[in-house]
């Protein structure tokens, strides 16, 4: 029966988001709440950055409505599943509200990164408080079960990393929402396999909510007043939801072939997480502040080799889908998890080296043409 409720919940989220986002755009133009262009940004006109304001209300309303309907009209087994997940859901909502409020503050008046980082740590702490933490590495480097003393700090660290990865990859139209849609569909499917219906519904509700935003963000026209950005409110919420769902996937069941959940969760979040990890590593190597903004992200590099923003978006989404498909496909051949993840890292490093060489070649050509 729950199989029917998940697509219905997704459709409700699409409709709510489609109704709310145009109203947010109108209010932003009326109150002149814009994202002003600067040297780091690609847009040249003032565009509202309040799209994320709709994310939490739409997600929480649709999730609450779906759970209430399921509890009333589905089987006793499903009711018990909802009741069992209720404490986790309450802690998740606490973390989500903290990030929603700090995101609103940042998008409206700006906030120091220390305040945002503190809010991220508080939200990350809500996950192990709910009893959800990474308790198994599924054979990575020969490690399986983890003690709470290792698993809980690792859970919080990865949560903050994923939140920031989505926040920092939100550099061109549609990239954060597009990559998140790919990730959420994979995590949602994994949760269905594990029969975690409540959080599978959360994943697909978030996907549905993103569809109208993606349209206005990518295909909207600032001159026609129908374009919007998600802002920090949206990216923080998306990052937190994906972190929570990935950790939920990892904490539910031990490894049962052919579904190695570590590989699935890793594949779902590979592109944004490893991009931000690479950027932070490079900043530390160059003795720069890790929170100092620059143009070192993968989308900036692709722009530097001459691709348009639309082509960068399409390229990264395709790369993300291919990485995910390859990893999940290899799961069915019982590939060694350590070798698989190391191969992914090697491919990512190799891809970045190739792009860096293309940038250098382009810059050298430009210098020679000026001479």
Protein backbone atom coordinates (compact mmCIF):
# COMPACT_ATOMS: atom_id res chain seq x y z
CA UNK A 1 0.00 0.00 0.00
CA UNK A 2 2.86 2.39 0.82
CA UNK A 3 4.07 2.08 -2.77
CA UNK A 4 1.00 4.14 -3.73
CA UNK A 5 1.60 6.85 -1.14
CA UNK A 6 5.21 7.61 -2.18
CA UNK A 7 4.41 8.86 -5.75
CA UNK A 8 1.33 10.69 -4.39
CA UNK A 9 3.51 12.45 -1.79
CA UNK A 10 6.02 13.36 -4.51
CA UNK A 11 3.23 14.85 -6.63
CA UNK A 12 1.85 16.85 -3.68
CA UNK A 13 5.34 18.30 -3.10
CA UNK A 14 5.58 19.25 -6.80
CA UNK A 15 2.23 21.08 -6.65
CA UNK A 16 2.99 22.91 -3.39
CA UNK A 17 6.42 24.01 -4.59
CA UNK A 18 4.95 25.14 -7.93
CA UNK A 19 2.43 27.33 -6.08
CA UNK A 20 4.79 28.81 -3.49
CA UNK A 21 7.92 29.67 -5.53
CA UNK A 22 6.23 32.24 -7.85
CA UNK A 23 4.82 33.95 -4.74
CA UNK A 24 8.29 34.10 -3.20
CA UNK A 25 9.66 35.62 -6.41
CA UNK A 26 6.91 38.28 -6.41
CA UNK A 27 7.52 39.10 -2.73
CA UNK A 28 11.29 39.32 -3.31
CA UNK A 29 10.88 41.81 -6.15
CA UNK A 30 8.33 43.79 -4.17
CA UNK A 31 10.65 44.06 -1.13
CA UNK A 32 13.81 44.24 -3.31
CA UNK A 33 15.45 41.19 -1.70
CA UNK A 34 18.06 40.25 -4.32
CA UNK A 35 21.35 38.43 -4.73
CA UNK A 36 23.54 41.29 -5.95
CA UNK A 37 26.17 40.37 -8.62
CA UNK A 38 29.88 40.52 -7.76
CA UNK A 39 33.18 39.35 -9.26
CA UNK A 40 32.71 35.72 -8.14
CA UNK A 41 29.17 35.35 -9.47
CA UNK A 42 28.07 34.49 -12.97
CA UNK A 43 24.79 36.42 -13.09
CA UNK A 44 24.84 40.08 -14.08
CA UNK A 45 21.41 41.16 -12.83
CA UNK A 46 19.74 41.17 -9.41
CA UNK A 47 17.99 37.82 -8.77
CA UNK A 48 16.07 36.70 -5.64
CA UNK A 49 17.90 34.10 -3.57
CA UNK A 50 14.98 33.10 -1.36
CA UNK A 51 13.98 29.85 -3.10
CA UNK A 52 15.14 27.82 -0.10
CA UNK A 53 12.50 29.51 2.06
CA UNK A 54 9.94 27.12 0.54
CA UNK A 55 11.98 23.94 1.04
CA UNK A 56 11.41 23.07 4.71
CA UNK A 57 7.68 24.03 4.84
CA UNK A 58 6.86 22.02 1.71
CA UNK A 59 8.88 18.98 2.82
CA UNK A 60 7.61 18.91 6.40
CA UNK A 61 3.95 19.55 5.46
CA UNK A 62 3.94 16.84 2.81
CA UNK A 63 5.78 14.36 5.03
CA UNK A 64 3.44 14.98 7.97
CA UNK A 65 0.37 14.67 5.73
CA UNK A 66 1.62 11.43 4.16
CA UNK A 67 2.53 9.84 7.49
CA UNK A 68 -0.87 10.78 8.94
CA UNK A 69 -2.73 9.29 5.98
CA UNK A 70 -0.65 6.13 6.03
CA UNK A 71 -1.12 5.75 9.77
CA UNK A 72 -4.89 6.10 9.36
CA UNK A 73 -5.45 3.92 6.31
CA UNK A 74 -2.52 1.51 5.81
CA UNK A 75 -1.69 -1.79 7.48
CA UNK A 76 -0.74 -2.36 11.11
CA UNK A 77 2.82 -3.22 10.06
CA UNK A 78 3.24 0.17 8.36
CA UNK A 79 1.79 1.96 11.39
CA UNK A 80 4.38 0.28 13.58
CA UNK A 81 7.11 1.34 11.15
CA UNK A 82 6.01 4.99 11.42
CA UNK A 83 5.84 4.83 15.23
CA UNK A 84 9.30 3.22 15.41
CA UNK A 85 10.79 6.00 13.28
CA UNK A 86 9.08 8.83 15.19
CA UNK A 87 12.00 9.66 17.57
CA UNK A 88 14.42 9.76 14.64
CA UNK A 89 12.01 12.00 12.75
CA UNK A 90 11.69 14.43 15.68
CA UNK A 91 15.47 14.80 16.04
CA UNK A 92 15.78 15.19 12.27
CA UNK A 93 13.20 18.00 12.32
CA UNK A 94 15.11 19.72 15.16
CA UNK A 95 18.30 19.76 13.08
CA UNK A 96 16.42 20.86 9.98
CA UNK A 97 14.78 23.79 11.80
CA UNK A 98 18.16 24.96 13.17
CA UNK A 99 19.63 25.06 9.64
CA UNK A 100 16.46 26.61 8.19
CA UNK A 101 16.60 29.49 10.67
CA UNK A 102 20.33 30.13 10.23
CA UNK A 103 19.86 29.96 6.44
CA UNK A 104 17.10 32.58 6.57
CA UNK A 105 19.33 34.81 8.68
CA UNK A 106 22.20 34.44 6.21
CA UNK A 107 20.07 35.04 3.12
CA UNK A 108 18.32 38.07 4.60
CA UNK A 109 21.09 39.97 6.42
CA UNK A 110 24.19 37.78 6.23
CA UNK A 111 25.93 35.88 9.04
CA UNK A 112 29.46 34.96 10.05
CA UNK A 113 30.67 31.56 9.01
CA UNK A 114 31.38 30.65 12.65
CA UNK A 115 27.66 30.98 13.39
CA UNK A 116 26.75 28.82 10.39
CA UNK A 117 29.39 26.24 11.32
CA UNK A 118 28.08 26.07 14.91
CA UNK A 119 24.55 25.56 13.60
CA UNK A 120 25.81 22.76 11.35
CA UNK A 121 27.46 21.01 14.32
CA UNK A 122 24.24 21.28 16.36
CA UNK A 123 22.23 19.85 13.47
CA UNK A 124 24.81 17.08 12.96
CA UNK A 125 24.59 16.17 16.67
CA UNK A 126 20.84 15.62 16.30
CA UNK A 127 21.49 12.57 14.10
CA UNK A 128 23.39 10.39 16.64
CA UNK A 129 21.07 11.69 19.37
CA UNK A 130 18.31 9.99 17.38
CA UNK A 131 20.26 6.74 17.60
CA UNK A 132 21.35 6.92 13.95
CA UNK A 133 25.10 6.73 13.37
CA UNK A 134 27.56 4.94 11.10
CA UNK A 135 28.00 1.59 12.86
CA UNK A 136 29.50 -0.42 9.98
CA UNK A 137 32.00 0.25 7.18
CA UNK A 138 30.91 -2.83 5.20
CA UNK A 139 34.46 -4.11 4.69
CA UNK A 140 36.16 -0.83 3.72
CA UNK A 141 39.88 -1.40 4.46
CA UNK A 142 38.77 -4.62 6.17
CA UNK A 143 36.67 -2.75 8.77
CA UNK A 144 33.13 -3.80 9.60
CA UNK A 145 31.47 -2.98 12.95
CA UNK A 146 32.34 0.38 14.54
CA UNK A 147 32.11 1.35 18.19
CA UNK A 148 30.05 4.45 19.12
CA UNK A 149 33.28 6.25 20.08
CA UNK A 150 34.37 6.10 16.44
CA UNK A 151 31.03 5.94 14.64
CA UNK A 152 29.39 8.97 16.28
CA UNK A 153 32.24 11.48 15.64
CA UNK A 154 32.57 10.08 12.10
CA UNK A 155 28.82 10.57 11.59
CA UNK A 156 28.99 14.20 12.71
CA UNK A 157 32.10 14.91 10.60
CA UNK A 158 30.54 13.46 7.44
CA UNK A 159 27.26 15.29 8.09
CA UNK A 160 29.04 18.66 8.24
CA UNK A 161 31.12 17.72 5.16
CA UNK A 162 28.02 16.82 3.12
CA UNK A 163 26.13 19.96 4.23
CA UNK A 164 29.04 22.12 3.10
CA UNK A 165 29.54 20.15 -0.12
CA UNK A 166 26.01 20.96 -1.29
CA UNK A 167 26.34 24.53 -0.06
CA UNK A 168 29.60 25.08 -1.96
CA UNK A 169 28.64 23.30 -5.18
CA UNK A 170 25.70 25.68 -5.57
CA UNK A 171 27.68 27.86 -7.95
CA UNK A 172 25.78 27.61 -11.23
CA UNK A 173 22.10 27.33 -12.06
CA UNK A 174 20.63 23.90 -11.36
CA UNK A 175 23.82 22.20 -10.16
CA UNK A 176 23.02 21.74 -6.46
CA UNK A 177 19.39 20.80 -7.15
CA UNK A 178 20.31 18.54 -10.10
CA UNK A 179 23.03 16.64 -8.23
CA UNK A 180 20.74 16.40 -5.19
CA UNK A 181 17.96 14.86 -7.30
CA UNK A 182 20.33 12.12 -8.47
CA UNK A 183 21.50 11.48 -4.91
CA UNK A 184 18.02 11.50 -3.38
CA UNK A 185 16.62 9.04 -5.92
CA UNK A 186 19.44 6.57 -5.17
CA UNK A 187 19.08 6.97 -1.40
CA UNK A 188 15.29 6.72 -1.68
CA UNK A 189 15.58 3.47 -3.65
CA UNK A 190 18.03 2.07 -1.07
CA UNK A 191 15.62 2.92 1.74
CA UNK A 192 12.78 1.18 -0.11
CA UNK A 193 14.99 -1.93 -0.39
CA UNK A 194 15.50 -1.72 3.38
CA UNK A 195 11.73 -1.12 3.86
CA UNK A 196 12.34 2.17 5.65
CA UNK A 197 9.16 3.67 4.17
CA UNK A 198 9.06 6.90 6.17
CA UNK A 199 12.50 8.09 5.10
CA UNK A 200 12.10 6.76 1.56
CA UNK A 201 9.06 9.04 1.39
CA UNK A 202 11.19 11.93 2.67
CA UNK A 203 13.70 11.34 -0.14
CA UNK A 204 11.09 11.36 -2.92
CA UNK A 205 9.17 14.30 -1.40
CA UNK A 206 12.40 16.30 -1.59
CA UNK A 207 12.87 15.27 -5.23
CA UNK A 208 9.32 16.40 -6.02
CA UNK A 209 9.85 19.69 -4.24
CA UNK A 210 13.00 20.33 -6.31
CA UNK A 211 11.38 19.90 -9.74
CA UNK A 212 9.61 23.33 -9.86
CA UNK A 213 12.61 25.03 -8.26
CA UNK A 214 14.94 23.52 -10.89
CA UNK A 215 12.70 24.90 -13.66
CA UNK A 216 12.66 28.44 -12.25
CA UNK A 217 16.36 28.34 -11.39
CA UNK A 218 17.62 27.02 -14.76
CA UNK A 219 15.03 28.19 -17.27
CA UNK A 220 13.75 31.32 -15.54
CA UNK A 221 14.54 34.76 -16.96
CA UNK A 222 15.58 37.56 -14.63
CA UNK A 223 14.19 40.11 -17.07
CA UNK A 224 10.77 38.46 -16.82
CA UNK A 225 11.02 38.22 -13.03
CA UNK A 226 10.67 34.43 -12.92
CA UNK A 227 14.19 33.33 -11.94
CA UNK A 228 15.30 32.44 -8.41
CA UNK A 229 18.25 31.00 -6.47
CA UNK A 230 17.94 28.65 -3.49
CA UNK A 231 20.33 30.62 -1.29
CA UNK A 232 22.03 29.19 1.79
CA UNK A 233 18.66 28.24 3.26
CA UNK A 234 18.03 25.79 0.45
CA UNK A 235 21.55 24.37 0.14
CA UNK A 236 21.91 23.80 3.90
CA UNK A 237 18.59 21.96 4.03
CA UNK A 238 19.40 19.83 0.96
CA UNK A 239 22.80 18.91 2.37
CA UNK A 240 21.34 17.97 5.75
CA UNK A 241 18.59 15.80 4.26
CA UNK A 242 21.07 13.91 2.09
CA UNK A 243 23.49 13.44 4.99
CA UNK A 244 20.70 12.16 7.23
CA UNK A 245 19.36 9.74 4.61
CA UNK A 246 22.85 8.43 3.72
CA UNK A 247 23.59 7.73 7.40
CA UNK A 248 20.15 6.15 7.80
CA UNK A 249 20.96 3.83 4.88
CA UNK A 250 24.30 2.87 6.44
CA UNK A 251 22.92 2.29 9.95
CA UNK A 252 19.95 0.09 9.06
CA UNK A 253 21.27 -3.32 7.99
CA UNK A 254 24.56 -5.23 7.71
CA UNK A 255 25.96 -6.03 4.27
CA UNK A 256 23.82 -8.49 2.34
CA UNK A 257 24.94 -9.17 -1.27
CA UNK A 258 24.43 -7.70 -3.77
CA UNK A 259 23.51 -4.47 -1.94
CA UNK A 260 26.62 -2.99 -0.30
CA UNK A 261 24.99 0.09 1.21
CA UNK A 262 28.33 1.82 1.79
CA UNK A 263 28.99 1.77 -1.97
CA UNK A 264 25.46 3.00 -2.70
CA UNK A 265 25.63 5.87 -0.20
CA UNK A 266 29.16 6.75 -1.31
CA UNK A 267 28.15 6.75 -4.99
CA UNK A 268 25.12 8.96 -4.29
CA UNK A 269 27.23 11.70 -2.68
CA UNK A 270 30.54 11.20 -4.44
CA UNK A 271 30.63 14.25 -6.70
CA UNK A 272 29.78 17.05 -4.23
CA UNK A 273 31.56 15.48 -1.23
CA UNK A 274 34.83 14.80 -3.03
CA UNK A 275 34.81 18.15 -4.78
CA UNK A 276 34.64 20.01 -1.47
CA UNK A 277 37.17 17.60 0.09
CA UNK A 278 39.58 18.27 -2.78
CA UNK A 279 39.08 22.04 -2.54
CA UNK A 280 39.70 22.06 1.23
CA UNK A 281 42.82 19.90 0.79
CA UNK A 282 44.20 22.28 -1.85
CA UNK A 283 43.48 25.30 0.38
CA UNK A 284 45.27 23.69 3.32
CA UNK A 285 48.23 22.79 1.09
CA UNK A 286 48.44 26.41 -0.09
CA UNK A 287 48.02 27.62 3.51
CA UNK A 288 44.76 29.39 2.81
CA UNK A 289 41.73 29.62 5.07
CA UNK A 290 39.49 26.63 4.33
CA UNK A 291 36.35 28.81 4.37
CA UNK A 292 37.81 31.50 2.11
CA UNK A 293 35.76 31.51 -1.12
CA UNK A 294 37.60 31.00 -4.40
CA UNK A 295 37.06 29.61 -7.90
CA UNK A 296 38.60 26.20 -7.33
CA UNK A 297 35.47 24.06 -7.52
CA UNK A 298 34.91 21.66 -10.40
CA UNK A 299 32.21 23.83 -11.99
CA UNK A 300 34.57 26.83 -11.96
CA UNK A 301 37.23 24.72 -13.68
CA UNK A 302 34.85 23.60 -16.40
CA UNK A 303 33.85 27.21 -16.98
CA UNK A 304 37.56 28.07 -17.27
CA UNK A 305 38.05 25.64 -20.17
CA UNK A 306 35.34 27.45 -22.12
CA UNK A 307 32.13 25.53 -21.36
CA UNK A 308 28.92 27.51 -20.90
CA UNK A 309 27.03 27.18 -17.58
CA UNK A 310 24.39 24.96 -19.24
CA UNK A 311 27.07 22.64 -20.63
CA UNK A 312 28.81 22.54 -17.23
CA UNK A 313 25.52 21.56 -15.61
CA UNK A 314 24.82 18.85 -18.19
CA UNK A 315 28.40 17.52 -18.01
CA UNK A 316 28.47 17.22 -14.23
CA UNK A 317 25.03 15.63 -14.03
CA UNK A 318 26.05 13.05 -16.65
CA UNK A 319 29.36 12.37 -14.84
CA UNK A 320 27.48 11.99 -11.56
CA UNK A 321 24.97 9.54 -13.06
CA UNK A 322 27.75 7.48 -14.69
CA UNK A 323 29.73 7.26 -11.42
CA UNK A 324 26.59 6.19 -9.54
CA UNK A 325 25.57 3.63 -12.16
CA UNK A 326 29.04 2.08 -12.37
CA UNK A 327 29.36 1.73 -8.60
CA UNK A 328 25.91 0.22 -8.12
CA UNK A 329 26.36 -2.09 -11.14
CA UNK A 330 29.69 -3.35 -9.79
CA UNK A 331 27.97 -4.13 -6.47
CA UNK A 332 26.13 -6.91 -8.24
CA UNK A 333 29.47 -8.49 -9.19
CA UNK A 334 30.59 -8.40 -5.55
CA UNK A 335 33.43 -5.98 -6.28
CA UNK A 336 35.83 -5.33 -3.42
CA UNK A 337 34.52 -2.21 -1.69
CA UNK A 338 37.99 -0.82 -0.89
CA UNK A 339 39.26 -1.31 -4.45
CA UNK A 340 36.08 0.20 -5.86
CA UNK A 341 36.22 3.37 -3.77
CA UNK A 342 39.95 3.81 -4.36
CA UNK A 343 39.30 3.44 -8.10
CA UNK A 344 36.62 6.14 -7.86
CA UNK A 345 39.05 8.48 -6.11
CA UNK A 346 41.75 7.77 -8.71
CA UNK A 347 39.31 8.50 -11.55
CA UNK A 348 38.23 11.76 -9.89
CA UNK A 349 41.84 12.85 -9.36
CA UNK A 350 42.68 11.92 -12.95
CA UNK A 351 39.69 13.88 -14.24
CA UNK A 352 40.80 16.95 -12.32
CA UNK A 353 44.38 16.63 -13.63
CA UNK A 354 43.08 16.48 -17.21
CA UNK A 355 40.90 19.56 -16.64
CA UNK A 356 43.83 21.46 -15.05
CA UNK A 357 45.97 20.73 -18.10
CA UNK A 358 43.19 21.93 -20.40
CA UNK A 359 42.97 25.16 -18.40
CA UNK A 360 46.76 25.68 -18.58
CA UNK A 361 46.74 25.03 -22.33
CA UNK A 362 43.89 27.50 -22.82
CA UNK A 363 45.66 30.16 -20.71
CA UNK A 364 48.95 29.66 -22.59
CA UNK A 365 47.14 30.00 -25.91
CA UNK A 366 45.53 33.23 -24.70
CA UNK A 367 48.91 34.63 -23.66
CA UNK A 368 50.49 33.76 -27.02
CA UNK A 369 47.62 35.34 -28.94
CA UNK A 370 48.06 38.58 -26.95
CA UNK A 371 51.76 38.65 -27.79
